[in-house]
Amino acid sequence: MTLDLFAPEPQRNILPFDGDVEDFGLILSAQQAEQDLHYMLQHLAWQHDQAHLHGKHYITARQVAWYGDASFQYVYSGVARQAMPWDPVILKLKQQVEDLLGLSFNSCLANLYEDGTQAMGWHSDQDRSLGQHCTIASLSFGATRKFAFRHIHRHDKVEILLQSGQLIVMRGQTQQFWQHRITPTTKVITPRINLTFRQFLA
């Protein structure tokens, strides 16, 4: 199924209230996005994510890799993770995003979804190590996937299709008032990677 028929138009804020999510549209050429996708599929240190919830241990189909300026220890869902030294391609992409935004990031959590059946449930990134009003820049590669937001009190929803090379940036009160997820689908049979650049407070 081909979803990316049109290039996404940049939008200053896709949320109606209580948050700030800017869509920068496609910031990479199709050629660069494709090259970087194939490199990351082959060379990143992918591991299946884990969680301890309600006394049970879970291993996800989705895989992750975490890189940073230092050997940060990041604990969420009851599992500690150690940041690895920067991969050169991830570092290059981080610098591209930083130059565009005029911001700096010291870590990147990469997520790999092998196909549309692998998804991410409703959640918000409110870990204390990211600060109260954190900025997270998310850069997508590969298959177009639906990314959804849901207000935690009013349950308003906003959905967007994320294409390869597209950048969105979550800021301000977004994590306090909105949850987000990657929705599952059986119609997507190719992989997607997203890089989430963050400022980790050591």
N, C-alpha and C. Protein backbone atom coordinates (compact mmCIF):
# COMPACT_ATOMS: atom_id res chain seq x y z
N MET A 1 0.85 -1.20 0.00
CA MET A 1 0.00 0.00 0.00
C MET A 1 0.88 1.24 0.00
N THR A 2 0.65 2.16 -0.94
CA THR A 2 1.43 3.38 -1.03
C THR A 2 0.63 4.53 -0.42
N LEU A 3 1.14 5.05 0.71
CA LEU A 3 0.44 6.13 1.38
C LEU A 3 1.04 7.49 1.04
N ASP A 4 2.34 7.53 0.71
CA ASP A 4 3.02 8.81 0.54
C ASP A 4 2.86 9.31 -0.90
N LEU A 5 1.63 9.71 -1.26
CA LEU A 5 1.34 10.20 -2.59
C LEU A 5 1.74 11.65 -2.74
N PHE A 6 1.72 12.40 -1.66
CA PHE A 6 2.04 13.81 -1.68
C PHE A 6 3.05 14.11 -0.58
N ALA A 7 3.97 15.02 -0.86
CA ALA A 7 4.91 15.45 0.17
C ALA A 7 4.15 16.23 1.24
N PRO A 8 4.45 16.00 2.52
CA PRO A 8 3.72 16.71 3.59
C PRO A 8 4.07 18.18 3.62
N GLU A 9 3.07 19.01 3.83
CA GLU A 9 3.27 20.45 3.97
C GLU A 9 3.69 20.77 5.40
N PRO A 10 4.73 21.56 5.60
CA PRO A 10 5.11 21.95 6.97
C PRO A 10 3.95 22.65 7.68
N GLN A 11 3.83 22.39 8.98
CA GLN A 11 2.81 23.03 9.80
C GLN A 11 3.44 23.50 11.10
N ARG A 12 3.11 24.72 11.50
CA ARG A 12 3.70 25.29 12.71
C ARG A 12 3.30 24.52 13.96
N ASN A 13 2.06 24.09 14.05
CA ASN A 13 1.62 23.30 15.20
C ASN A 13 0.42 22.46 14.79
N ILE A 14 0.55 21.15 14.87
CA ILE A 14 -0.56 20.28 14.47
C ILE A 14 -1.54 20.05 15.60
N LEU A 15 -1.20 20.47 16.83
CA LEU A 15 -2.09 20.30 17.97
C LEU A 15 -2.98 21.52 18.14
N PRO A 16 -4.25 21.33 18.54
CA PRO A 16 -5.16 22.48 18.68
C PRO A 16 -4.94 23.29 19.96
N PHE A 17 -4.37 22.67 20.99
CA PHE A 17 -4.17 23.36 22.27
C PHE A 17 -3.28 22.50 23.16
N ASP A 18 -2.80 23.08 24.27
CA ASP A 18 -2.07 22.36 25.32
C ASP A 18 -0.82 21.64 24.83
N GLY A 19 -0.18 22.15 23.81
CA GLY A 19 1.04 21.50 23.34
C GLY A 19 1.53 22.13 22.06
N ASP A 20 2.71 21.72 21.63
CA ASP A 20 3.33 22.29 20.45
C ASP A 20 4.07 21.18 19.71
N VAL A 21 3.53 20.79 18.55
CA VAL A 21 4.17 19.79 17.69
C VAL A 21 4.32 20.39 16.31
N GLU A 22 5.54 20.73 15.95
CA GLU A 22 5.79 21.34 14.64
C GLU A 22 6.18 20.27 13.63
N ASP A 23 5.56 20.33 12.46
CA ASP A 23 5.87 19.42 11.36
C ASP A 23 6.73 20.19 10.35
N PHE A 24 7.98 19.78 10.20
CA PHE A 24 8.89 20.44 9.28
C PHE A 24 8.82 19.87 7.87
N GLY A 25 7.97 18.87 7.65
CA GLY A 25 7.91 18.23 6.35
C GLY A 25 9.15 17.41 6.07
N LEU A 26 9.48 17.22 4.81
CA LEU A 26 10.64 16.40 4.42
C LEU A 26 11.90 17.26 4.49
N ILE A 27 12.82 16.88 5.36
CA ILE A 27 14.07 17.63 5.48
C ILE A 27 15.24 16.90 4.82
N LEU A 28 15.00 15.67 4.35
CA LEU A 28 16.02 14.88 3.67
C LEU A 28 15.55 14.56 2.25
N SER A 29 16.48 14.45 1.34
CA SER A 29 16.12 14.00 -0.01
C SER A 29 15.73 12.52 0.05
N ALA A 30 14.98 12.08 -0.94
CA ALA A 30 14.58 10.67 -0.99
C ALA A 30 15.80 9.77 -1.04
N GLN A 31 16.83 10.21 -1.76
CA GLN A 31 18.04 9.41 -1.88
C GLN A 31 18.77 9.29 -0.54
N GLN A 32 18.92 10.41 0.17
CA GLN A 32 19.60 10.34 1.47
C GLN A 32 18.81 9.50 2.46
N ALA A 33 17.49 9.68 2.50
CA ALA A 33 16.67 8.92 3.43
C ALA A 33 16.78 7.42 3.16
N GLU A 34 16.79 7.03 1.88
CA GLU A 34 16.88 5.62 1.52
C GLU A 34 18.25 5.05 1.89
N GLN A 35 19.31 5.81 1.60
CA GLN A 35 20.66 5.35 1.95
C GLN A 35 20.82 5.19 3.45
N ASP A 36 20.34 6.17 4.21
CA ASP A 36 20.46 6.11 5.66
C ASP A 36 19.64 4.98 6.25
N LEU A 37 18.45 4.73 5.68
CA LEU A 37 17.63 3.62 6.15
C LEU A 37 18.38 2.30 6.00
N HIS A 38 18.94 2.04 4.84
CA HIS A 38 19.63 0.76 4.62
C HIS A 38 20.86 0.65 5.52
N TYR A 39 21.57 1.75 5.72
CA TYR A 39 22.72 1.71 6.62
C TYR A 39 22.28 1.35 8.04
N MET A 40 21.24 2.02 8.53
CA MET A 40 20.81 1.80 9.92
C MET A 40 20.26 0.40 10.13
N LEU A 41 19.56 -0.13 9.14
CA LEU A 41 19.06 -1.50 9.26
C LEU A 41 20.20 -2.49 9.45
N GLN A 42 21.33 -2.24 8.81
CA GLN A 42 22.44 -3.17 8.82
C GLN A 42 23.43 -2.94 9.96
N HIS A 43 23.58 -1.69 10.41
CA HIS A 43 24.72 -1.37 11.26
C HIS A 43 24.39 -0.92 12.69
N LEU A 44 23.16 -0.54 12.98
CA LEU A 44 22.88 -0.11 14.35
C LEU A 44 22.78 -1.32 15.26
N ALA A 45 23.07 -1.09 16.54
CA ALA A 45 23.10 -2.18 17.54
C ALA A 45 21.69 -2.44 18.07
N TRP A 46 20.86 -3.00 17.22
CA TRP A 46 19.45 -3.21 17.57
C TRP A 46 19.29 -4.29 18.64
N GLN A 47 18.38 -4.02 19.58
CA GLN A 47 17.99 -5.00 20.60
C GLN A 47 16.49 -4.88 20.82
N HIS A 48 15.86 -6.01 21.10
CA HIS A 48 14.44 -5.96 21.43
C HIS A 48 14.25 -5.23 22.74
N ASP A 49 13.28 -4.31 22.77
CA ASP A 49 13.03 -3.54 23.98
C ASP A 49 12.42 -4.44 25.05
N GLN A 50 12.62 -4.05 26.32
CA GLN A 50 12.10 -4.82 27.45
C GLN A 50 11.37 -3.90 28.42
N ALA A 51 10.49 -4.49 29.20
CA ALA A 51 9.76 -3.72 30.21
C ALA A 51 9.35 -4.64 31.36
N HIS A 52 9.35 -4.08 32.57
CA HIS A 52 8.79 -4.76 33.75
C HIS A 52 7.54 -3.99 34.15
N LEU A 53 6.39 -4.59 33.94
CA LEU A 53 5.12 -3.94 34.25
C LEU A 53 4.24 -4.87 35.06
N HIS A 54 3.77 -4.36 36.21
CA HIS A 54 2.85 -5.11 37.06
C HIS A 54 3.40 -6.49 37.41
N GLY A 55 4.71 -6.53 37.68
CA GLY A 55 5.34 -7.78 38.11
C GLY A 55 5.66 -8.75 37.00
N LYS A 56 5.46 -8.34 35.74
CA LYS A 56 5.73 -9.23 34.62
C LYS A 56 6.81 -8.63 33.73
N HIS A 57 7.58 -9.50 33.08
CA HIS A 57 8.64 -9.08 32.18
C HIS A 57 8.19 -9.27 30.74
N TYR A 58 8.32 -8.19 29.94
CA TYR A 58 7.89 -8.24 28.55
C TYR A 58 9.07 -7.94 27.63
N ILE A 59 9.11 -8.61 26.49
CA ILE A 59 10.06 -8.32 25.42
C ILE A 59 9.26 -7.95 24.18
N THR A 60 9.54 -6.77 23.62
CA THR A 60 8.74 -6.28 22.50
C THR A 60 9.29 -6.77 21.16
N ALA A 61 8.41 -6.79 20.18
CA ALA A 61 8.84 -7.07 18.81
C ALA A 61 9.65 -5.90 18.26
N ARG A 62 9.25 -4.69 18.62
CA ARG A 62 10.00 -3.50 18.23
C ARG A 62 11.41 -3.57 18.81
N GLN A 63 12.38 -3.09 18.02
CA GLN A 63 13.76 -3.06 18.49
C GLN A 63 14.24 -1.62 18.67
N VAL A 64 15.21 -1.44 19.55
CA VAL A 64 15.70 -0.11 19.86
C VAL A 64 17.23 -0.11 19.90
N ALA A 65 17.79 1.08 19.77
CA ALA A 65 19.22 1.31 19.98
C ALA A 65 19.36 2.73 20.52
N TRP A 66 20.21 2.90 21.54
CA TRP A 66 20.32 4.20 22.21
C TRP A 66 21.76 4.67 22.17
N TYR A 67 21.95 5.91 21.70
CA TYR A 67 23.27 6.50 21.55
C TYR A 67 23.32 7.83 22.30
N GLY A 68 24.53 8.23 22.75
CA GLY A 68 24.62 9.48 23.47
C GLY A 68 26.03 9.99 23.63
N ASP A 69 26.12 11.25 24.12
CA ASP A 69 27.41 11.89 24.36
C ASP A 69 28.21 11.17 25.44
N ALA A 70 27.51 10.54 26.37
CA ALA A 70 28.16 9.84 27.47
C ALA A 70 27.42 8.54 27.71
N SER A 71 27.94 7.72 28.62
CA SER A 71 27.30 6.43 28.92
C SER A 71 26.14 6.63 29.89
N PHE A 72 25.14 7.41 29.44
CA PHE A 72 23.97 7.66 30.27
C PHE A 72 23.28 6.34 30.61
N GLN A 73 22.75 6.27 31.82
CA GLN A 73 21.89 5.14 32.16
C GLN A 73 20.46 5.66 32.21
N TYR A 74 19.64 5.13 31.35
CA TYR A 74 18.26 5.57 31.21
C TYR A 74 17.36 4.44 31.71
N VAL A 75 16.53 4.72 32.71
CA VAL A 75 15.65 3.71 33.28
C VAL A 75 14.20 4.06 32.97
N TYR A 76 13.51 3.17 32.27
CA TYR A 76 12.07 3.32 32.11
C TYR A 76 11.44 1.94 32.01
N SER A 77 10.19 1.87 32.45
CA SER A 77 9.47 0.59 32.52
C SER A 77 10.25 -0.45 33.32
N GLY A 78 11.00 0.02 34.32
CA GLY A 78 11.69 -0.89 35.22
C GLY A 78 12.95 -1.52 34.68
N VAL A 79 13.44 -1.06 33.51
CA VAL A 79 14.63 -1.64 32.90
C VAL A 79 15.65 -0.53 32.66
N ALA A 80 16.92 -0.78 33.04
CA ALA A 80 18.00 0.19 32.83
C ALA A 80 18.66 -0.06 31.48
N ARG A 81 18.94 1.02 30.77
CA ARG A 81 19.59 0.95 29.47
C ARG A 81 20.80 1.87 29.46
N GLN A 82 21.86 1.43 28.80
CA GLN A 82 23.11 2.19 28.75
C GLN A 82 23.31 2.75 27.35
N ALA A 83 23.59 4.05 27.27
CA ALA A 83 23.81 4.67 25.97
C ALA A 83 25.16 4.24 25.38
N MET A 84 25.18 4.02 24.07
CA MET A 84 26.40 3.65 23.37
C MET A 84 27.02 4.89 22.73
N PRO A 85 28.32 4.84 22.40
CA PRO A 85 28.95 5.96 21.69
C PRO A 85 28.26 6.19 20.34
N TRP A 86 28.31 7.43 19.86
CA TRP A 86 27.61 7.80 18.65
C TRP A 86 28.04 6.97 17.44
N ASP A 87 27.08 6.45 16.71
CA ASP A 87 27.31 5.91 15.38
C ASP A 87 27.52 7.11 14.44
N PRO A 88 28.43 7.03 13.48
CA PRO A 88 28.73 8.20 12.65
C PRO A 88 27.54 8.72 11.84
N VAL A 89 26.69 7.85 11.34
CA VAL A 89 25.53 8.30 10.57
C VAL A 89 24.50 8.96 11.48
N ILE A 90 24.27 8.39 12.66
CA ILE A 90 23.35 9.01 13.62
C ILE A 90 23.87 10.38 14.04
N LEU A 91 25.18 10.49 14.25
CA LEU A 91 25.78 11.76 14.64
C LEU A 91 25.61 12.80 13.53
N LYS A 92 25.81 12.39 12.29
CA LYS A 92 25.63 13.30 11.15
C LYS A 92 24.18 13.81 11.08
N LEU A 93 23.23 12.91 11.27
CA LEU A 93 21.81 13.30 11.23
C LEU A 93 21.47 14.20 12.41
N LYS A 94 22.02 13.91 13.57
CA LYS A 94 21.81 14.78 14.74
C LYS A 94 22.26 16.20 14.43
N GLN A 95 23.42 16.34 13.81
CA GLN A 95 23.95 17.66 13.49
C GLN A 95 23.08 18.38 12.46
N GLN A 96 22.51 17.64 11.51
CA GLN A 96 21.59 18.23 10.55
C GLN A 96 20.36 18.79 11.26
N VAL A 97 19.81 18.01 12.17
CA VAL A 97 18.62 18.44 12.90
C VAL A 97 18.95 19.63 13.80
N GLU A 98 20.08 19.57 14.47
CA GLU A 98 20.50 20.68 15.34
C GLU A 98 20.67 21.98 14.55
N ASP A 99 21.29 21.89 13.38
CA ASP A 99 21.49 23.08 12.55
C ASP A 99 20.15 23.67 12.11
N LEU A 100 19.19 22.83 11.82
CA LEU A 100 17.88 23.29 11.39
C LEU A 100 17.11 23.96 12.53
N LEU A 101 17.20 23.36 13.72
CA LEU A 101 16.39 23.84 14.85
C LEU A 101 17.09 24.89 15.70
N GLY A 102 18.42 24.97 15.60
CA GLY A 102 19.15 25.86 16.50
C GLY A 102 19.15 25.36 17.92
N LEU A 103 19.09 24.04 18.09
CA LEU A 103 19.08 23.39 19.40
C LEU A 103 20.19 22.36 19.45
N SER A 104 20.50 21.87 20.65
CA SER A 104 21.46 20.78 20.77
C SER A 104 20.83 19.61 21.49
N PHE A 105 21.22 18.40 21.09
CA PHE A 105 20.74 17.18 21.70
C PHE A 105 21.95 16.34 22.08
N ASN A 106 21.84 15.59 23.18
CA ASN A 106 22.96 14.76 23.61
C ASN A 106 22.67 13.27 23.58
N SER A 107 21.51 12.88 23.07
CA SER A 107 21.20 11.45 22.99
C SER A 107 20.17 11.20 21.89
N CYS A 108 20.11 9.94 21.46
CA CYS A 108 19.15 9.55 20.44
C CYS A 108 18.67 8.13 20.73
N LEU A 109 17.37 7.97 20.84
CA LEU A 109 16.76 6.65 20.93
C LEU A 109 16.21 6.30 19.54
N ALA A 110 16.78 5.26 18.93
CA ALA A 110 16.33 4.79 17.62
C ALA A 110 15.35 3.64 17.80
N ASN A 111 14.28 3.64 17.02
CA ASN A 111 13.25 2.61 17.07
C ASN A 111 13.11 1.96 15.71
N LEU A 112 13.04 0.62 15.70
CA LEU A 112 12.88 -0.13 14.46
C LEU A 112 11.57 -0.93 14.51
N TYR A 113 10.70 -0.66 13.54
CA TYR A 113 9.45 -1.41 13.35
C TYR A 113 9.60 -2.20 12.04
N GLU A 114 9.67 -3.51 12.13
CA GLU A 114 9.95 -4.34 10.95
C GLU A 114 8.83 -4.27 9.92
N ASP A 115 7.61 -4.11 10.38
CA ASP A 115 6.46 -3.98 9.48
C ASP A 115 5.32 -3.33 10.26
N GLY A 116 4.15 -3.23 9.61
CA GLY A 116 3.05 -2.51 10.23
C GLY A 116 2.45 -3.17 11.46
N THR A 117 2.71 -4.46 11.66
CA THR A 117 2.15 -5.12 12.85
C THR A 117 2.91 -4.72 14.11
N GLN A 118 4.12 -4.19 13.96
CA GLN A 118 4.88 -3.70 15.10
C GLN A 118 4.55 -2.23 15.31
N ALA A 119 4.14 -1.90 16.52
CA ALA A 119 3.63 -0.56 16.80
C ALA A 119 4.07 -0.13 18.19
N MET A 120 3.59 1.03 18.60
CA MET A 120 3.85 1.55 19.94
C MET A 120 2.54 2.03 20.52
N GLY A 121 2.20 1.57 21.73
CA GLY A 121 0.94 1.94 22.35
C GLY A 121 0.95 3.37 22.87
N TRP A 122 -0.19 3.80 23.38
CA TRP A 122 -0.33 5.16 23.89
C TRP A 122 0.64 5.39 25.05
N HIS A 123 1.38 6.48 24.98
CA HIS A 123 2.32 6.82 26.05
C HIS A 123 2.73 8.29 25.90
N SER A 124 3.36 8.82 26.92
CA SER A 124 3.99 10.13 26.83
C SER A 124 5.39 10.02 27.41
N ASP A 125 6.29 10.86 26.94
CA ASP A 125 7.69 10.83 27.37
C ASP A 125 7.88 11.83 28.51
N GLN A 126 7.55 11.39 29.72
CA GLN A 126 7.59 12.27 30.88
C GLN A 126 8.64 11.86 31.89
N ASP A 127 9.66 11.16 31.45
CA ASP A 127 10.72 10.75 32.37
C ASP A 127 11.43 11.97 32.93
N ARG A 128 11.74 11.94 34.23
CA ARG A 128 12.39 13.09 34.88
C ARG A 128 13.75 13.41 34.26
N SER A 129 14.40 12.40 33.69
CA SER A 129 15.71 12.63 33.09
C SER A 129 15.63 13.48 31.82
N LEU A 130 14.42 13.73 31.30
CA LEU A 130 14.25 14.57 30.12
C LEU A 130 13.80 15.98 30.47
N GLY A 131 13.50 16.24 31.74
CA GLY A 131 13.03 17.56 32.14
C GLY A 131 11.53 17.69 31.97
N GLN A 132 10.97 18.77 32.55
CA GLN A 132 9.52 18.93 32.58
C GLN A 132 8.94 19.29 31.22
N HIS A 133 9.56 20.21 30.51
CA HIS A 133 9.06 20.64 29.20
C HIS A 133 10.10 20.30 28.14
N CYS A 134 10.27 19.02 27.91
CA CYS A 134 11.35 18.56 27.03
C CYS A 134 11.01 18.81 25.56
N THR A 135 12.05 18.88 24.76
CA THR A 135 11.93 18.94 23.30
C THR A 135 12.46 17.64 22.72
N ILE A 136 11.64 16.97 21.90
CA ILE A 136 12.02 15.72 21.26
C ILE A 136 11.83 15.89 19.75
N ALA A 137 12.89 15.68 19.00
CA ALA A 137 12.83 15.76 17.54
C ALA A 137 12.81 14.35 16.98
N SER A 138 11.80 14.04 16.18
CA SER A 138 11.61 12.69 15.64
C SER A 138 11.74 12.71 14.13
N LEU A 139 12.72 11.95 13.62
CA LEU A 139 13.02 11.90 12.19
C LEU A 139 12.72 10.49 11.69
N SER A 140 11.90 10.39 10.65
CA SER A 140 11.40 9.10 10.17
C SER A 140 12.12 8.63 8.91
N PHE A 141 12.23 7.29 8.77
CA PHE A 141 12.85 6.66 7.61
C PHE A 141 12.02 5.43 7.24
N GLY A 142 11.90 5.17 5.94
CA GLY A 142 11.24 3.94 5.51
C GLY A 142 9.75 4.08 5.32
N ALA A 143 9.02 3.08 5.75
CA ALA A 143 7.58 3.00 5.48
C ALA A 143 6.83 4.17 6.11
N THR A 144 5.83 4.67 5.39
CA THR A 144 4.94 5.69 5.94
C THR A 144 4.03 5.04 6.98
N ARG A 145 3.98 5.66 8.16
CA ARG A 145 3.14 5.13 9.25
C ARG A 145 2.30 6.25 9.85
N LYS A 146 1.15 5.85 10.41
CA LYS A 146 0.26 6.82 11.06
C LYS A 146 0.71 7.05 12.50
N PHE A 147 0.87 8.32 12.85
CA PHE A 147 1.28 8.76 14.19
C PHE A 147 0.12 9.53 14.78
N ALA A 148 -0.32 9.14 15.96
CA ALA A 148 -1.53 9.72 16.55
C ALA A 148 -1.24 10.35 17.90
N PHE A 149 -1.97 11.43 18.20
CA PHE A 149 -1.94 12.08 19.50
C PHE A 149 -3.33 11.99 20.12
N ARG A 150 -3.37 11.87 21.47
CA ARG A 150 -4.64 11.83 22.20
C ARG A 150 -4.49 12.66 23.47
N HIS A 151 -5.39 13.64 23.65
CA HIS A 151 -5.35 14.48 24.84
C HIS A 151 -5.74 13.65 26.06
N ILE A 152 -4.99 13.79 27.16
CA ILE A 152 -5.20 12.89 28.30
C ILE A 152 -6.48 13.20 29.07
N HIS A 153 -7.02 14.42 28.94
CA HIS A 153 -8.25 14.78 29.65
C HIS A 153 -9.45 14.83 28.71
N ARG A 154 -9.32 15.49 27.59
CA ARG A 154 -10.45 15.70 26.69
C ARG A 154 -10.58 14.60 25.66
N HIS A 155 -9.53 13.81 25.45
CA HIS A 155 -9.52 12.69 24.50
C HIS A 155 -9.68 13.13 23.04
N ASP A 156 -9.43 14.42 22.75
CA ASP A 156 -9.31 14.85 21.35
C ASP A 156 -8.17 14.06 20.71
N LYS A 157 -8.30 13.77 19.42
CA LYS A 157 -7.25 13.04 18.69
C LYS A 157 -6.77 13.83 17.48
N VAL A 158 -5.49 13.71 17.21
CA VAL A 158 -4.88 14.28 16.02
C VAL A 158 -4.03 13.19 15.39
N GLU A 159 -4.15 12.98 14.08
CA GLU A 159 -3.38 11.94 13.40
C GLU A 159 -2.61 12.55 12.23
N ILE A 160 -1.42 12.01 11.98
CA ILE A 160 -0.57 12.48 10.91
C ILE A 160 0.15 11.28 10.30
N LEU A 161 0.33 11.29 8.98
CA LEU A 161 1.12 10.27 8.31
C LEU A 161 2.57 10.75 8.23
N LEU A 162 3.48 9.94 8.77
CA LEU A 162 4.90 10.30 8.78
C LEU A 162 5.62 9.56 7.65
N GLN A 163 6.24 10.32 6.78
CA GLN A 163 6.92 9.77 5.62
C GLN A 163 8.43 9.72 5.84
N SER A 164 9.11 9.03 4.97
CA SER A 164 10.56 8.89 5.06
C SER A 164 11.23 10.24 4.81
N GLY A 165 12.07 10.67 5.76
CA GLY A 165 12.73 11.95 5.68
C GLY A 165 11.98 13.08 6.35
N GLN A 166 10.86 12.79 7.00
CA GLN A 166 10.03 13.82 7.62
C GLN A 166 10.43 14.02 9.08
N LEU A 167 10.44 15.29 9.50
CA LEU A 167 10.82 15.66 10.87
C LEU A 167 9.65 16.32 11.57
N ILE A 168 9.32 15.82 12.78
CA ILE A 168 8.40 16.54 13.66
C ILE A 168 9.11 16.80 14.98
N VAL A 169 8.72 17.88 15.65
CA VAL A 169 9.36 18.27 16.90
C VAL A 169 8.29 18.53 17.95
N MET A 170 8.34 17.78 19.04
CA MET A 170 7.41 17.93 20.16
C MET A 170 8.06 18.80 21.23
N ARG A 171 7.34 19.86 21.68
CA ARG A 171 7.91 20.79 22.65
C ARG A 171 6.87 21.15 23.70
N GLY A 172 7.32 22.02 24.63
CA GLY A 172 6.43 22.66 25.59
C GLY A 172 5.68 21.67 26.45
N GLN A 173 4.36 21.83 26.52
CA GLN A 173 3.51 21.01 27.39
C GLN A 173 2.99 19.74 26.72
N THR A 174 3.51 19.42 25.55
CA THR A 174 2.99 18.28 24.79
C THR A 174 2.96 17.00 25.62
N GLN A 175 4.07 16.68 26.29
CA GLN A 175 4.15 15.42 27.04
C GLN A 175 3.24 15.41 28.27
N GLN A 176 2.94 16.59 28.82
CA GLN A 176 2.08 16.67 29.99
C GLN A 176 0.60 16.46 29.65
N PHE A 177 0.21 16.86 28.43
CA PHE A 177 -1.22 16.84 28.09
C PHE A 177 -1.60 15.88 26.97
N TRP A 178 -0.62 15.36 26.25
CA TRP A 178 -0.94 14.49 25.13
C TRP A 178 -0.14 13.20 25.20
N GLN A 179 -0.81 12.09 24.89
CA GLN A 179 -0.13 10.82 24.64
C GLN A 179 0.01 10.64 23.13
N HIS A 180 0.95 9.79 22.72
CA HIS A 180 1.12 9.54 21.30
C HIS A 180 1.39 8.06 21.06
N ARG A 181 1.20 7.63 19.83
CA ARG A 181 1.44 6.23 19.49
C ARG A 181 1.66 6.08 17.99
N ILE A 182 2.30 4.97 17.62
CA ILE A 182 2.35 4.51 16.23
C ILE A 182 1.27 3.44 16.09
N THR A 183 0.33 3.65 15.18
CA THR A 183 -0.81 2.73 15.09
C THR A 183 -0.47 1.49 14.27
N PRO A 184 -0.94 0.33 14.68
CA PRO A 184 -0.66 -0.91 13.92
C PRO A 184 -1.49 -0.99 12.65
N THR A 185 -0.95 -1.69 11.67
CA THR A 185 -1.66 -1.94 10.42
C THR A 185 -1.07 -3.18 9.76
N THR A 186 -1.91 -3.96 9.10
CA THR A 186 -1.42 -5.12 8.36
C THR A 186 -1.07 -4.75 6.92
N LYS A 187 -1.32 -3.51 6.53
CA LYS A 187 -1.12 -3.10 5.14
C LYS A 187 0.32 -2.67 4.85
N VAL A 188 1.11 -2.43 5.89
CA VAL A 188 2.51 -2.03 5.71
C VAL A 188 3.39 -3.25 5.93
N ILE A 189 4.20 -3.60 4.95
CA ILE A 189 5.01 -4.82 5.05
C ILE A 189 6.51 -4.52 4.99
N THR A 190 6.88 -3.26 5.02
CA THR A 190 8.29 -2.86 4.98
C THR A 190 8.65 -2.13 6.27
N PRO A 191 9.95 -2.04 6.60
CA PRO A 191 10.35 -1.47 7.89
C PRO A 191 10.30 0.04 7.95
N ARG A 192 10.19 0.52 9.17
CA ARG A 192 10.30 1.95 9.48
C ARG A 192 11.27 2.11 10.63
N ILE A 193 12.11 3.13 10.53
CA ILE A 193 12.98 3.54 11.64
C ILE A 193 12.65 4.98 11.98
N ASN A 194 12.59 5.29 13.26
CA ASN A 194 12.57 6.70 13.64
C ASN A 194 13.64 6.98 14.67
N LEU A 195 14.26 8.13 14.51
CA LEU A 195 15.29 8.59 15.42
C LEU A 195 14.70 9.69 16.29
N THR A 196 14.75 9.51 17.61
CA THR A 196 14.21 10.52 18.51
C THR A 196 15.37 11.17 19.26
N PHE A 197 15.68 12.39 18.87
CA PHE A 197 16.78 13.13 19.48
C PHE A 197 16.27 13.85 20.72
N ARG A 198 17.04 13.72 21.82
CA ARG A 198 16.60 14.23 23.12
C ARG A 198 17.77 14.90 23.84
N GLN A 199 17.43 15.75 24.81
CA GLN A 199 18.44 16.31 25.70
C GLN A 199 18.28 15.60 27.04
N PHE A 200 19.18 14.67 27.29
CA PHE A 200 19.12 13.86 28.50
C PHE A 200 19.81 14.62 29.64
N LEU A 201 19.12 14.71 30.78
CA LEU A 201 19.67 15.38 31.95
C LEU A 201 20.36 14.36 32.82
N ALA A 202 21.67 14.32 32.75
CA ALA A 202 22.44 13.28 33.47
C ALA A 202 22.38 13.51 34.97
